[in-house]
Amino acid sequence: MKATAWQESGWQSTIVACDGGIGLMQVMPATADWMNQRFGQRYDVWDHRDNAYLGANYLAWLTKYIGDLHFDGDYRLAAALCSAEVSSCLLNAVIASYNYGHAAVASGEGAITIPNPRYVGNVRVLMTECVCLAH
């Protein structure tokens, strides 16, 4: 989550991206609405704490959704489970989906597709080398 937040916003809680992403986790308003409705919450995408909760809960939902759909309920996100093939593991699929949308990555029809390998690579590097890990 720390690496994703760093990649998305550089940990800036007030930033708004040109594509409409808001705050620390760059949550899209439609994603926030969907998450709140689905889970009966009232998280405010503009509040930095709620934005973090939305991002974390979305990552958790992606892990469960893709884990069920493509990995037979195996929710392990260990980097060691990833082969040289970009789409080979749940970790890469979750990272890609957070940025690009789950339907573009794991539609349930066919294999996982990683449309944003550079983004996935950036987050993977940040997971081990980011100054954000000290916080």
C-alpha atoms as a PDB file:
ATOM      1  CA  MET A   1       0.000   0.000   0.000  1.00  0.00           C
ATOM      2  CA  LYS A   2       2.830   2.411   0.820  1.00  0.00           C
ATOM      3  CA  ALA A   3       4.460   1.805  -2.544  1.00  0.00           C
ATOM      4  CA  THR A   4       1.155   2.274  -4.362  1.00  0.00           C
ATOM      5  CA  ALA A   5       0.486   5.563  -2.551  1.00  0.00           C
ATOM      6  CA  TRP A   6       3.996   6.776  -3.385  1.00  0.00           C
ATOM      7  CA  GLN A   7       3.599   5.848  -7.046  1.00  0.00           C
ATOM      8  CA  GLU A   8       0.131   7.372  -7.259  1.00  0.00           C
ATOM      9  CA  SER A   9       0.657  10.676  -5.468  1.00  0.00           C
ATOM     10  CA  GLY A  10       4.103  10.903  -3.914  1.00  0.00           C
ATOM     11  CA  TRP A  11       2.134  10.813  -0.652  1.00  0.00           C
ATOM     12  CA  GLN A  12       0.407  14.097  -1.421  1.00  0.00           C
ATOM     13  CA  SER A  13      -3.038  14.024   0.140  1.00  0.00           C
ATOM     14  CA  THR A  14      -4.447  17.074  -1.652  1.00  0.00           C
ATOM     15  CA  ILE A  15      -3.391  16.281  -5.221  1.00  0.00           C
ATOM     16  CA  VAL A  16      -5.983  15.879  -7.966  1.00  0.00           C
ATOM     17  CA  ALA A  17      -4.837  14.239 -11.185  1.00  0.00           C
ATOM     18  CA  CYS A  18      -5.939  15.233 -14.666  1.00  0.00           C
ATOM     19  CA  ASP A  19      -7.754  11.883 -14.988  1.00  0.00           C
ATOM     20  CA  GLY A  20      -9.832  12.650 -11.876  1.00  0.00           C
ATOM     21  CA  GLY A  21      -7.900  10.614  -9.293  1.00  0.00           C
ATOM     22  CA  ILE A  22      -8.037  12.224  -5.858  1.00  0.00           C
ATOM     23  CA  GLY A  23      -5.659  12.339  -2.937  1.00  0.00           C
ATOM     24  CA  LEU A  24      -3.064  10.049  -1.468  1.00  0.00           C
ATOM     25  CA  MET A  25      -4.290   6.887  -3.212  1.00  0.00           C
ATOM     26  CA  GLN A  26      -5.581   8.704  -6.326  1.00  0.00           C
ATOM     27  CA  VAL A  27      -9.016   7.166  -5.880  1.00  0.00           C
ATOM     28  CA  MET A  28     -11.414   7.839  -8.709  1.00  0.00           C
ATOM     29  CA  PRO A  29     -14.761   9.279  -7.540  1.00  0.00           C
ATOM     30  CA  ALA A  30     -16.686   6.464  -9.246  1.00  0.00           C
ATOM     31  CA  THR A  31     -14.509   3.872  -7.469  1.00  0.00           C
ATOM     32  CA  ALA A  32     -15.142   5.590  -4.129  1.00  0.00           C
ATOM     33  CA  ASP A  33     -18.890   5.605  -4.791  1.00  0.00           C
ATOM     34  CA  TRP A  34     -18.834   1.937  -5.784  1.00  0.00           C
ATOM     35  CA  MET A  35     -16.770   0.917  -2.745  1.00  0.00           C
ATOM     36  CA  ASN A  36     -18.988   2.864  -0.350  1.00  0.00           C
ATOM     37  CA  GLN A  37     -22.157   1.412  -1.824  1.00  0.00           C
ATOM     38  CA  ARG A  38     -20.827  -2.140  -2.000  1.00  0.00           C
ATOM     39  CA  PHE A  39     -19.563  -2.176   1.584  1.00  0.00           C
ATOM     40  CA  GLY A  40     -22.092   0.153   3.216  1.00  0.00           C
ATOM     41  CA  GLN A  41     -19.540   2.829   4.108  1.00  0.00           C
ATOM     42  CA  ARG A  42     -19.380   6.606   3.844  1.00  0.00           C
ATOM     43  CA  TYR A  43     -15.711   7.206   3.203  1.00  0.00           C
ATOM     44  CA  ASP A  44     -15.005  10.686   1.861  1.00  0.00           C
ATOM     45  CA  VAL A  45     -12.482  10.569  -0.976  1.00  0.00           C
ATOM     46  CA  TRP A  46     -11.386  14.119  -0.049  1.00  0.00           C
ATOM     47  CA  ASP A  47     -10.462  13.218   3.550  1.00  0.00           C
ATOM     48  CA  HIS A  48      -6.887  11.916   3.681  1.00  0.00           C
ATOM     49  CA  ARG A  49      -7.700   9.130   6.163  1.00  0.00           C
ATOM     50  CA  ASP A  50     -10.763   8.002   4.262  1.00  0.00           C
ATOM     51  CA  ASN A  51      -8.823   8.159   1.002  1.00  0.00           C
ATOM     52  CA  ALA A  52      -6.261   5.770   2.506  1.00  0.00           C
ATOM     53  CA  TYR A  53      -9.054   3.446   3.696  1.00  0.00           C
ATOM     54  CA  LEU A  54     -10.625   3.475   0.240  1.00  0.00           C
ATOM     55  CA  GLY A  55      -7.315   2.647  -1.420  1.00  0.00           C
ATOM     56  CA  ALA A  56      -6.514  -0.102   1.081  1.00  0.00           C
ATOM     57  CA  ASN A  57      -9.969  -1.630   0.835  1.00  0.00           C
ATOM     58  CA  TYR A  58      -9.863  -1.519  -2.945  1.00  0.00           C
ATOM     59  CA  LEU A  59      -6.492  -3.301  -2.930  1.00  0.00           C
ATOM     60  CA  ALA A  60      -7.970  -5.919  -0.578  1.00  0.00           C
ATOM     61  CA  TRP A  61     -11.033  -6.348  -2.798  1.00  0.00           C
ATOM     62  CA  LEU A  62      -8.830  -6.718  -5.905  1.00  0.00           C
ATOM     63  CA  THR A  63      -6.767  -9.370  -4.124  1.00  0.00           C
ATOM     64  CA  LYS A  64      -9.878 -11.385  -3.263  1.00  0.00           C
ATOM     65  CA  TYR A  65     -11.575 -10.879  -6.637  1.00  0.00           C
ATOM     66  CA  ILE A  66      -8.561 -11.787  -8.776  1.00  0.00           C
ATOM     67  CA  GLY A  67      -7.417 -14.473  -6.338  1.00  0.00           C
ATOM     68  CA  ASP A  68     -10.792 -16.190  -6.634  1.00  0.00           C
ATOM     69  CA  LEU A  69     -11.083 -15.707 -10.396  1.00  0.00           C
ATOM     70  CA  HIS A  70      -7.590 -16.737 -11.510  1.00  0.00           C
ATOM     71  CA  PHE A  71      -5.694 -18.277  -8.587  1.00  0.00           C
ATOM     72  CA  ASP A  72      -8.182 -20.732  -7.051  1.00  0.00           C
ATOM     73  CA  GLY A  73      -8.533 -18.719  -3.848  1.00  0.00           C
ATOM     74  CA  ASP A  74      -4.787 -18.374  -3.286  1.00  0.00           C
ATOM     75  CA  TYR A  75      -4.403 -14.791  -2.075  1.00  0.00           C
ATOM     76  CA  ARG A  76      -0.650 -14.786  -1.500  1.00  0.00           C
ATOM     77  CA  LEU A  77       0.950 -11.586  -2.783  1.00  0.00           C
ATOM     78  CA  ALA A  78       4.562 -12.701  -2.359  1.00  0.00           C
ATOM     79  CA  ALA A  79       6.894 -11.395  -5.045  1.00  0.00           C
ATOM     80  CA  ALA A  80       8.671 -14.757  -4.981  1.00  0.00           C
ATOM     81  CA  LEU A  81       5.593 -16.308  -6.602  1.00  0.00           C
ATOM     82  CA  CYS A  82       6.100 -14.190  -9.713  1.00  0.00           C
ATOM     83  CA  SER A  83       7.992 -15.657 -12.633  1.00  0.00           C
ATOM     84  CA  ALA A  84       9.634 -13.687 -15.403  1.00  0.00           C
ATOM     85  CA  GLU A  85       6.242 -13.487 -17.129  1.00  0.00           C
ATOM     86  CA  VAL A  86       4.629 -10.201 -16.076  1.00  0.00           C
ATOM     87  CA  SER A  87       1.128 -11.655 -15.728  1.00  0.00           C
ATOM     88  CA  SER A  88       2.202 -14.732 -13.803  1.00  0.00           C
ATOM     89  CA  CYS A  89       1.233 -13.747 -10.280  1.00  0.00           C
ATOM     90  CA  LEU A  90      -1.496 -12.226  -8.178  1.00  0.00           C
ATOM     91  CA  LEU A  91       0.755  -9.402  -6.997  1.00  0.00           C
ATOM     92  CA  ASN A  92       1.287  -8.072 -10.523  1.00  0.00           C
ATOM     93  CA  ALA A  93      -2.393  -8.446 -11.378  1.00  0.00           C
ATOM     94  CA  VAL A  94      -3.491  -6.510  -8.283  1.00  0.00           C
ATOM     95  CA  ILE A  95      -0.996  -3.707  -8.892  1.00  0.00           C
ATOM     96  CA  ALA A  96      -2.007  -3.459 -12.556  1.00  0.00           C
ATOM     97  CA  SER A  97      -5.703  -3.493 -11.687  1.00  0.00           C
ATOM     98  CA  TYR A  98      -5.367  -0.728  -9.127  1.00  0.00           C
ATOM     99  CA  ASN A  99      -4.020   1.542 -11.830  1.00  0.00           C
ATOM    100  CA  TYR A 100      -5.838   0.330 -14.931  1.00  0.00           C
ATOM    101  CA  GLY A 101      -9.040  -1.277 -13.685  1.00  0.00           C
ATOM    102  CA  HIS A 102      -9.795  -4.881 -12.884  1.00  0.00           C
ATOM    103  CA  ALA A 103     -11.870  -5.501 -16.011  1.00  0.00           C
ATOM    104  CA  ALA A 104      -8.883  -4.688 -18.234  1.00  0.00           C
ATOM    105  CA  VAL A 105      -6.605  -7.033 -16.286  1.00  0.00           C
ATOM    106  CA  ALA A 106      -8.715  -9.943 -15.086  1.00  0.00           C
ATOM    107  CA  SER A 107     -12.016 -10.079 -16.912  1.00  0.00           C
ATOM    108  CA  GLY A 108     -12.625 -13.748 -16.217  1.00  0.00           C
ATOM    109  CA  GLU A 109     -12.367 -14.530 -19.905  1.00  0.00           C
ATOM    110  CA  GLY A 110      -8.945 -15.852 -20.732  1.00  0.00           C
ATOM    111  CA  ALA A 111      -5.622 -15.159 -19.109  1.00  0.00           C
ATOM    112  CA  ILE A 112      -4.641 -12.143 -17.066  1.00  0.00           C
ATOM    113  CA  THR A 113      -3.439  -9.202 -19.124  1.00  0.00           C
ATOM    114  CA  ILE A 114      -1.046  -6.574 -17.771  1.00  0.00           C
ATOM    115  CA  PRO A 115      -1.652  -3.458 -19.890  1.00  0.00           C
ATOM    116  CA  ASN A 116       0.661  -1.303 -17.769  1.00  0.00           C
ATOM    117  CA  PRO A 117       3.896  -3.241 -17.120  1.00  0.00           C
ATOM    118  CA  ARG A 118       5.926  -0.085 -16.461  1.00  0.00           C
ATOM    119  CA  TYR A 119       3.537   0.953 -13.677  1.00  0.00           C
ATOM    120  CA  VAL A 120       3.674  -2.543 -12.175  1.00  0.00           C
ATOM    121  CA  GLY A 121       7.471  -2.498 -12.345  1.00  0.00           C
ATOM    122  CA  ASN A 122       7.640   0.914 -10.676  1.00  0.00           C
ATOM    123  CA  VAL A 123       5.440  -0.187  -7.771  1.00  0.00           C
ATOM    124  CA  ARG A 124       7.378  -3.439  -7.410  1.00  0.00           C
ATOM    125  CA  VAL A 125      10.664  -1.502  -7.123  1.00  0.00           C
ATOM    126  CA  LEU A 126       9.088   0.895  -4.620  1.00  0.00           C
ATOM    127  CA  MET A 127       7.998  -2.072  -2.523  1.00  0.00           C
ATOM    128  CA  THR A 128      11.641  -2.750  -1.689  1.00  0.00           C
ATOM    129  CA  GLU A 129      13.476   0.533  -2.283  1.00  0.00           C
ATOM    130  CA  CYS A 130      11.082   3.361  -1.440  1.00  0.00           C
ATOM    131  CA  VAL A 131      11.946   5.945   1.217  1.00  0.00           C
ATOM    132  CA  CYS A 132       8.252   5.667   2.062  1.00  0.00           C
ATOM    133  CA  LEU A 133       8.926   2.306   3.732  1.00  0.00           C
ATOM    134  CA  ALA A 134      10.529   4.069   6.687  1.00  0.00           C
ATOM    135  CA  HIS A 135       7.214   5.755   7.574  1.00  0.00           C
END
